[in-house]
Amino acid sequence: MYWISMFVSLLGSWVQSTAQSWLVFRLTQSAFLMGLVGFLSYLPVSLLSLAAGVYVDRSIKRNLLVMTQTMFALLALTLAFLVWTKTVQIWHVIAIAALNGFVLCFDAPARHSMIVELVGRQHLNNAIALNSAAFNSARILGPALAAVLIALIGTAGCFFVNAVSYLPVLAVLLRIKPFPAAERNGRATVLGDIRESFALIRGNRILLYLLGVAGLVSTFGVSYLVLMPIFAQGILNAGAIGLAYLMSASGLGALIGALNIARLKHDRSRLRVMHFSVIGFFLAAVLFSVSLNLLLSCAFLVLAGVGAAGSMSIVNAMLQTSVPDNHRGRIMGVFMTVFMGFIPFGSLLFGSLAQLFGAPSVIFFGGLISLAVYLPVARRFLAGESLLEAA
């Protein structure tokens, strides 16, 4: 019930994300402002996820998710009203995007760390694969649905659909029996808990490596998606339908990559698959940047999606199985900081550089530079047996 309802909610979120991207492009025609919206959407995650992770560990996660999902619904309803009344301005979109980012600081660590409460540690890897499959299935269907809805009911209708999509997950959450919060030292402070988690990470090479991969892939891998409207409209001349094709192609690849990890049973095979997934992602992104054909561009985005989602699903699963239960919320807060917290800076940088040099050049050289950074680090960590022993 939780999985199905969360899938419906995620589907609505991707409808809103695609419609919001299109709305910003139609309002401003500015690559920089598209990057700015992406920057402010994730800036709160950069600043607050560590403290939010401490709060998640101290909270009943079911109750926290009820609050965050309700706030997401109200924000979507507000944006729908502004667009429907034709009073929306770019600063409205920016403000709502920033508020969504603030709520996400608490929602994402709670959603990730609650999975183990529903299925137990023995099924955690497969549950994460299913969770990622739901997310990436929504990535496939959401943009395509958004393109249809934009044509039929406009962007306001898309935002209203997203608001309604939170009702099923709220109904299911209220039926789930709350799982008690982990027992903690009553004298522990937020800063003390954060220092404790950093000490845990510093003492484990595999955690350091996994978080480094997450930061690198997210900075490039998610940030370049904010430039998709430019490719759809300005380079491939495919309009809103082309944008839906591009986003859905990326989602299809991500679904394949996420489902692929369910068959991996050992850390050695997971690390190997993650390594080649990261390399494949950057290479596919570079090839996408030079494509002038919609079908070929979609094919490269499928490959990029396989690499990005496969590597990040493995990072997520290995992080959660490598830490004690009372650290899971905080470690997920750290993961959100490096995975999503670097996105605002990447979005702003990509938007600014695309304004100056063009989107294709930014993705082409960004992919090559990211690959040049990753390969020596990966070779250093994966060369010896010590990393595999630490895992």
Protein backbone atom coordinates (compact mmCIF):
# COMPACT_ATOMS: atom_id res chain seq x y z
CA MET A 1 0.00 0.00 0.00
CA TYR A 2 2.81 2.39 0.88
CA TRP A 3 4.74 1.59 -2.30
CA ILE A 4 1.71 2.10 -4.59
CA SER A 5 0.61 5.32 -2.91
CA MET A 6 4.15 6.73 -2.94
CA PHE A 7 4.36 5.91 -6.64
CA VAL A 8 1.20 7.97 -7.25
CA SER A 9 2.71 10.84 -5.27
CA LEU A 10 6.00 10.62 -7.17
CA LEU A 11 4.10 10.59 -10.46
CA GLY A 12 2.42 13.84 -9.47
CA SER A 13 5.76 15.33 -8.42
CA TRP A 14 7.29 14.62 -11.83
CA VAL A 15 4.24 16.14 -13.51
CA GLN A 16 4.82 19.30 -11.46
CA SER A 17 8.58 19.28 -12.04
CA THR A 18 8.16 19.12 -15.81
CA ALA A 19 5.38 21.72 -15.83
CA GLN A 20 7.39 24.03 -13.57
CA SER A 21 10.42 23.77 -15.83
CA TRP A 22 8.25 24.59 -18.81
CA LEU A 23 6.58 27.49 -16.94
CA VAL A 24 9.92 29.07 -16.04
CA PHE A 25 11.14 28.74 -19.61
CA ARG A 26 7.93 30.30 -20.99
CA LEU A 27 7.98 33.13 -18.45
CA THR A 28 11.64 34.09 -18.81
CA GLN A 29 13.32 32.38 -21.82
CA SER A 30 16.39 32.45 -19.56
CA ALA A 31 18.80 29.58 -18.95
CA PHE A 32 20.18 31.46 -15.94
CA LEU A 33 16.77 31.73 -14.25
CA MET A 34 16.10 28.06 -14.95
CA GLY A 35 19.36 27.32 -13.16
CA LEU A 36 18.44 29.74 -10.34
CA VAL A 37 15.15 27.92 -9.71
CA GLY A 38 17.04 24.64 -9.54
CA PHE A 39 19.60 26.25 -7.21
CA LEU A 40 16.99 27.51 -4.75
CA SER A 41 15.00 24.25 -4.93
CA TYR A 42 17.90 22.37 -3.37
CA LEU A 43 19.76 25.07 -1.42
CA PRO A 44 17.91 24.22 1.83
CA VAL A 45 19.05 20.61 1.40
CA SER A 46 22.65 21.82 1.24
CA LEU A 47 22.32 23.88 4.40
CA LEU A 48 19.94 21.91 6.61
CA SER A 49 20.05 18.19 5.76
CA LEU A 50 22.59 17.32 8.46
CA ALA A 51 20.49 18.87 11.22
CA ALA A 52 17.33 17.43 9.63
CA GLY A 53 18.88 13.95 9.75
CA VAL A 54 19.38 14.31 13.50
CA TYR A 55 15.73 15.32 13.86
CA VAL A 56 14.65 12.32 11.76
CA ASP A 57 16.56 9.92 14.05
CA ARG A 58 14.78 11.43 17.05
CA SER A 59 11.31 11.39 15.45
CA ILE A 60 8.58 8.91 14.65
CA LYS A 61 9.14 8.79 10.91
CA ARG A 62 5.53 7.99 9.99
CA ASN A 63 4.28 11.13 11.75
CA LEU A 64 7.02 13.27 10.21
CA LEU A 65 6.10 12.06 6.71
CA VAL A 66 2.45 12.94 7.28
CA MET A 67 3.52 16.53 7.96
CA THR A 68 5.93 16.82 5.04
CA GLN A 69 3.55 15.29 2.50
CA THR A 70 0.79 17.65 3.65
CA MET A 71 3.06 20.66 3.20
CA PHE A 72 4.04 19.50 -0.30
CA ALA A 73 0.34 19.29 -1.22
CA LEU A 74 -0.39 22.80 0.07
CA LEU A 75 2.54 24.29 -1.84
CA ALA A 76 1.42 22.60 -5.08
CA LEU A 77 -2.11 23.91 -4.53
CA THR A 78 -0.77 27.44 -4.02
CA LEU A 79 1.18 27.33 -7.28
CA ALA A 80 -1.86 25.95 -9.11
CA PHE A 81 -3.97 28.85 -7.84
CA LEU A 82 -1.39 31.48 -8.88
CA VAL A 83 -1.13 30.10 -12.42
CA TRP A 84 -4.90 29.58 -12.76
CA THR A 85 -5.60 33.21 -11.75
CA LYS A 86 -2.84 34.42 -14.13
CA THR A 87 -1.12 36.23 -11.27
CA VAL A 88 1.99 34.05 -11.23
CA GLN A 89 5.35 35.77 -11.47
CA ILE A 90 8.82 34.28 -11.55
CA TRP A 91 9.45 35.20 -7.92
CA HIS A 92 6.40 33.14 -6.91
CA VAL A 93 7.89 30.10 -8.62
CA ILE A 94 11.27 30.73 -7.00
CA ALA A 95 9.77 31.13 -3.51
CA ILE A 96 7.65 27.97 -3.76
CA ALA A 97 10.63 26.03 -5.12
CA ALA A 98 12.70 27.14 -2.09
CA LEU A 99 9.94 26.16 0.35
CA ASN A 100 9.67 22.75 -1.33
CA GLY A 101 13.41 22.37 -0.80
CA PHE A 102 13.03 23.14 2.90
CA VAL A 103 10.35 20.48 3.33
CA LEU A 104 12.47 18.03 1.32
CA CYS A 105 15.27 18.33 3.93
CA PHE A 106 13.08 16.39 6.36
CA ASP A 107 11.01 14.33 3.92
CA ALA A 108 13.84 12.60 2.03
CA PRO A 109 15.85 11.23 5.02
CA ALA A 110 12.61 10.10 6.67
CA ARG A 111 11.40 8.28 3.53
CA HIS A 112 14.72 6.53 2.98
CA SER A 113 15.28 5.52 6.60
CA MET A 114 11.67 4.34 7.13
CA ILE A 115 12.06 1.59 4.51
CA VAL A 116 13.92 -0.67 6.94
CA GLU A 117 11.05 -0.29 9.44
CA LEU A 118 8.64 -1.70 6.86
CA VAL A 119 10.71 -4.62 5.53
CA GLY A 120 13.61 -5.32 7.93
CA ARG A 121 17.35 -5.29 7.21
CA GLN A 122 17.28 -8.65 5.41
CA HIS A 123 15.11 -7.25 2.62
CA LEU A 124 16.53 -3.72 2.60
CA ASN A 125 18.53 -4.00 -0.64
CA ASN A 126 15.54 -5.24 -2.65
CA ALA A 127 13.23 -2.72 -0.99
CA ILE A 128 15.55 0.12 -2.02
CA ALA A 129 15.55 -1.29 -5.55
CA LEU A 130 11.72 -1.28 -5.55
CA ASN A 131 11.67 2.24 -4.12
CA SER A 132 14.06 3.42 -6.81
CA ALA A 133 11.98 1.59 -9.43
CA ALA A 134 8.89 3.52 -8.32
CA PHE A 135 10.80 6.79 -8.49
CA ASN A 136 12.17 6.10 -11.94
CA SER A 137 8.91 4.68 -13.30
CA ALA A 138 7.38 7.98 -12.31
CA ARG A 139 10.21 9.72 -14.17
CA ILE A 140 9.16 7.85 -17.31
CA LEU A 141 5.43 8.40 -17.04
CA GLY A 142 5.37 11.78 -15.29
CA PRO A 143 6.91 13.96 -18.02
CA ALA A 144 4.84 12.25 -20.72
CA LEU A 145 1.70 12.77 -18.66
CA ALA A 146 2.73 16.37 -18.03
CA ALA A 147 3.06 17.03 -21.76
CA VAL A 148 -0.49 15.76 -22.30
CA LEU A 149 -1.86 17.69 -19.33
CA ILE A 150 -0.13 20.92 -20.37
CA ALA A 151 -1.91 20.66 -23.72
CA LEU A 152 -5.28 19.74 -22.17
CA ILE A 153 -5.52 21.68 -18.89
CA GLY A 154 -2.42 23.89 -18.83
CA THR A 155 0.33 24.17 -16.24
CA ALA A 156 -2.16 25.14 -13.51
CA GLY A 157 -3.90 21.81 -14.01
CA CYS A 158 -0.56 19.99 -13.67
CA PHE A 159 0.11 21.63 -10.31
CA PHE A 160 -3.41 20.79 -9.11
CA VAL A 161 -2.95 17.16 -10.18
CA ASN A 162 0.21 17.03 -8.08
CA ALA A 163 -1.62 18.43 -5.04
CA VAL A 164 -4.28 15.71 -5.35
CA SER A 165 -1.63 12.98 -5.79
CA TYR A 166 -0.57 13.40 -2.15
CA LEU A 167 -3.96 12.28 -0.82
CA PRO A 168 -3.41 8.51 -1.33
CA VAL A 169 -0.03 8.49 0.41
CA LEU A 170 -1.43 10.49 3.32
CA ALA A 171 -4.29 8.01 3.67
CA VAL A 172 -1.87 5.07 3.68
CA LEU A 173 0.58 6.69 6.11
CA LEU A 174 -2.24 7.19 8.61
CA ARG A 175 -2.94 3.44 8.44
CA ILE A 176 0.68 2.42 9.09
CA LYS A 177 1.45 1.65 12.72
CA PRO A 178 4.09 4.14 13.94
CA PHE A 179 7.50 2.65 14.63
CA PRO A 180 9.11 4.03 17.83
CA ALA A 181 12.04 6.39 17.42
CA ALA A 182 15.49 4.94 18.15
CA GLU A 183 16.61 5.21 21.76
CA ARG A 184 19.11 7.98 22.29
CA ASN A 185 21.15 9.60 25.01
CA GLY A 186 18.91 12.30 26.45
CA ARG A 187 21.88 14.66 26.89
CA ALA A 188 22.99 14.42 23.25
CA THR A 189 22.94 17.68 21.28
CA VAL A 190 22.38 18.23 17.56
CA LEU A 191 26.03 19.18 17.06
CA GLY A 192 27.14 16.21 19.13
CA ASP A 193 25.07 13.83 17.01
CA ILE A 194 26.47 15.35 13.81
CA ARG A 195 30.06 15.01 15.11
CA GLU A 196 29.35 11.39 16.03
CA SER A 197 28.20 10.64 12.48
CA PHE A 198 31.23 12.37 10.96
CA ALA A 199 33.49 10.27 13.18
CA LEU A 200 31.73 7.14 11.92
CA ILE A 201 32.24 8.23 8.29
CA ARG A 202 35.90 9.20 8.78
CA GLY A 203 36.63 5.78 10.22
CA ASN A 204 35.15 3.86 7.28
CA ARG A 205 36.79 4.16 3.85
CA ILE A 206 33.82 2.65 2.03
CA LEU A 207 31.49 5.32 3.45
CA LEU A 208 33.88 8.05 2.31
CA TYR A 209 34.12 6.59 -1.18
CA LEU A 210 30.36 6.08 -1.54
CA LEU A 211 29.57 9.63 -0.44
CA GLY A 212 32.22 11.01 -2.79
CA VAL A 213 30.67 9.17 -5.75
CA ALA A 214 27.22 10.45 -4.77
CA GLY A 215 28.47 14.05 -4.66
CA LEU A 216 30.19 13.88 -8.04
CA VAL A 217 27.34 12.17 -9.89
CA SER A 218 24.66 14.42 -8.41
CA THR A 219 26.52 17.68 -9.07
CA PHE A 220 26.70 16.90 -12.77
CA GLY A 221 24.07 14.24 -13.21
CA VAL A 222 21.02 15.99 -11.83
CA SER A 223 22.05 19.56 -12.65
CA TYR A 224 22.20 18.97 -16.39
CA LEU A 225 18.53 17.96 -16.41
CA VAL A 226 17.51 21.58 -15.73
CA LEU A 227 18.78 22.39 -19.24
CA MET A 228 16.49 19.86 -20.97
CA PRO A 229 13.94 22.50 -22.12
CA ILE A 230 16.76 24.25 -24.01
CA PHE A 231 17.64 21.03 -25.85
CA ALA A 232 13.98 20.22 -26.52
CA GLN A 233 13.04 23.66 -27.85
CA GLY A 234 16.21 25.36 -29.01
CA ILE A 235 18.35 22.50 -30.35
CA LEU A 236 16.05 19.60 -31.26
CA ASN A 237 13.03 21.82 -32.14
CA ALA A 238 10.67 19.31 -30.48
CA GLY A 239 8.73 21.54 -28.05
CA ALA A 240 6.91 20.24 -24.96
CA ILE A 241 6.46 16.78 -26.47
CA GLY A 242 10.20 16.58 -27.10
CA LEU A 243 10.86 17.60 -23.50
CA ALA A 244 8.61 14.76 -22.33
CA TYR A 245 10.48 12.30 -24.58
CA LEU A 246 13.86 13.39 -23.24
CA MET A 247 12.85 13.27 -19.57
CA SER A 248 11.05 9.95 -20.05
CA ALA A 249 14.08 8.44 -21.80
CA SER A 250 16.24 9.38 -18.85
CA GLY A 251 13.64 7.85 -16.54
CA LEU A 252 13.49 4.62 -18.55
CA GLY A 253 17.23 4.19 -18.25
CA ALA A 254 17.07 4.96 -14.55
CA LEU A 255 14.38 2.30 -14.06
CA ILE A 256 16.58 -0.30 -15.79
CA GLY A 257 19.57 0.73 -13.72
CA ALA A 258 17.63 0.59 -10.45
CA LEU A 259 16.10 -2.84 -11.10
CA ASN A 260 19.51 -4.20 -12.08
CA ILE A 261 20.88 -3.82 -8.54
CA ALA A 262 18.29 -6.18 -7.04
CA ARG A 263 20.21 -9.16 -8.46
CA LEU A 264 23.50 -8.10 -6.84
CA LYS A 265 24.17 -10.03 -3.64
CA HIS A 266 27.73 -9.09 -2.64
CA ASP A 267 29.53 -5.80 -2.03
CA ARG A 268 32.31 -6.77 -4.45
CA SER A 269 29.88 -7.09 -7.37
CA ARG A 270 28.01 -3.95 -6.30
CA LEU A 271 31.20 -1.89 -6.29
CA ARG A 272 32.21 -3.21 -9.69
CA VAL A 273 28.81 -2.43 -11.22
CA MET A 274 28.80 1.01 -9.59
CA HIS A 275 32.22 1.79 -11.06
CA PHE A 276 31.22 1.01 -14.64
CA SER A 277 27.83 2.67 -14.17
CA VAL A 278 29.49 5.98 -13.26
CA ILE A 279 31.81 5.81 -16.26
CA GLY A 280 28.92 4.92 -18.59
CA PHE A 281 26.84 7.79 -17.27
CA PHE A 282 29.43 10.47 -17.99
CA LEU A 283 30.23 9.08 -21.45
CA ALA A 284 26.54 8.91 -22.40
CA ALA A 285 26.01 12.50 -21.26
CA VAL A 286 28.93 13.67 -23.42
CA LEU A 287 27.46 11.88 -26.46
CA PHE A 288 24.02 13.37 -25.75
CA SER A 289 25.47 16.88 -25.78
CA VAL A 290 26.61 16.57 -29.43
CA SER A 291 23.46 14.86 -30.76
CA LEU A 292 21.14 16.78 -33.09
CA ASN A 293 18.61 13.98 -33.53
CA LEU A 294 15.74 13.47 -31.05
CA LEU A 295 15.75 9.67 -31.27
CA LEU A 296 19.52 9.46 -30.83
CA SER A 297 19.39 11.94 -27.94
CA CYS A 298 16.77 9.79 -26.22
CA ALA A 299 18.96 6.70 -26.67
CA PHE A 300 21.92 8.43 -25.02
CA LEU A 301 19.71 9.61 -22.16
CA VAL A 302 18.54 6.02 -21.60
CA LEU A 303 22.19 4.99 -21.18
CA ALA A 304 22.86 7.97 -18.93
CA GLY A 305 19.86 7.06 -16.80
CA VAL A 306 21.06 3.46 -16.42
CA GLY A 307 24.43 4.66 -15.17
CA ALA A 308 23.21 7.39 -12.83
CA ALA A 309 20.38 5.47 -11.16
CA GLY A 310 22.30 2.20 -10.95
CA SER A 311 25.25 3.82 -9.20
CA MET A 312 23.10 5.89 -6.83
CA SER A 313 20.89 2.92 -5.89
CA ILE A 314 24.00 0.95 -4.96
CA VAL A 315 25.34 3.88 -2.92
CA ASN A 316 22.02 4.18 -1.07
CA ALA A 317 21.78 0.46 -0.30
CA MET A 318 25.40 0.08 0.83
CA LEU A 319 25.20 3.17 3.05
CA GLN A 320 22.10 1.92 4.84
CA THR A 321 23.46 -1.59 5.38
CA SER A 322 26.80 -0.29 6.64
CA VAL A 323 25.57 1.77 9.62
CA PRO A 324 23.72 1.05 12.90
CA ASP A 325 19.97 1.70 13.06
CA ASN A 326 20.33 4.75 15.32
CA HIS A 327 22.61 6.41 12.74
CA ARG A 328 20.47 5.75 9.68
CA GLY A 329 18.58 9.06 9.68
CA ARG A 330 21.79 11.05 10.12
CA ILE A 331 23.67 9.08 7.46
CA MET A 332 20.74 9.63 5.10
CA GLY A 333 20.98 13.32 6.00
CA VAL A 334 24.65 13.28 4.98
CA PHE A 335 23.72 11.38 1.82
CA MET A 336 21.05 13.96 1.01
CA THR A 337 23.60 16.73 1.58
CA VAL A 338 26.11 15.32 -0.89
CA PHE A 339 23.58 13.83 -3.31
CA MET A 340 21.00 16.61 -3.43
CA GLY A 341 22.83 19.35 -1.54
CA PHE A 342 25.38 19.83 -4.32
CA ILE A 343 22.61 20.11 -6.91
CA PRO A 344 21.82 23.82 -6.31
CA PHE A 345 25.40 24.83 -6.96
CA GLY A 346 25.57 22.63 -10.04
CA SER A 347 22.24 24.00 -11.30
CA LEU A 348 23.31 27.61 -10.84
CA LEU A 349 26.71 26.93 -12.41
CA PHE A 350 25.23 25.04 -15.36
CA GLY A 351 22.57 27.68 -15.94
CA SER A 352 25.11 30.51 -15.82
CA LEU A 353 27.61 28.76 -18.10
CA ALA A 354 24.86 27.71 -20.52
CA GLN A 355 23.81 31.36 -20.77
CA LEU A 356 27.38 32.25 -21.77
CA PHE A 357 28.59 29.28 -23.82
CA GLY A 358 25.48 27.30 -24.71
CA ALA A 359 24.00 24.18 -23.12
CA PRO A 360 25.73 21.60 -25.39
CA SER A 361 29.22 22.92 -24.62
CA VAL A 362 28.54 22.95 -20.88
CA ILE A 363 27.37 19.33 -20.80
CA PHE A 364 30.15 18.16 -23.13
CA PHE A 365 33.03 19.64 -21.12
CA GLY A 366 31.29 19.06 -17.78
CA GLY A 367 31.04 15.34 -18.53
CA LEU A 368 34.68 15.09 -19.58
CA ILE A 369 35.91 17.01 -16.52
CA SER A 370 33.78 14.90 -14.17
CA LEU A 371 35.15 11.72 -15.75
CA ALA A 372 38.70 13.02 -15.39
CA VAL A 373 38.07 13.68 -11.69
CA TYR A 374 36.41 10.32 -11.01
CA LEU A 375 38.80 7.89 -12.72
CA PRO A 376 41.97 8.54 -10.67
CA VAL A 377 40.03 8.53 -7.39
CA ALA A 378 38.22 5.30 -8.27
CA ARG A 379 41.46 3.65 -9.36
CA ARG A 380 43.07 4.56 -6.05
CA PHE A 381 40.22 3.20 -3.93
CA LEU A 382 39.37 0.12 -5.95
CA ALA A 383 42.93 -1.04 -6.65
CA GLY A 384 43.55 -2.61 -3.24
CA GLU A 385 41.73 -5.25 -1.25
CA SER A 386 41.43 -2.93 1.74
CA LEU A 387 38.33 -1.23 0.39
CA LEU A 388 36.56 -4.52 -0.21
CA GLU A 389 37.55 -5.69 3.26
CA ALA A 390 36.17 -2.47 4.76
CA ALA A 391 32.89 -3.05 2.91
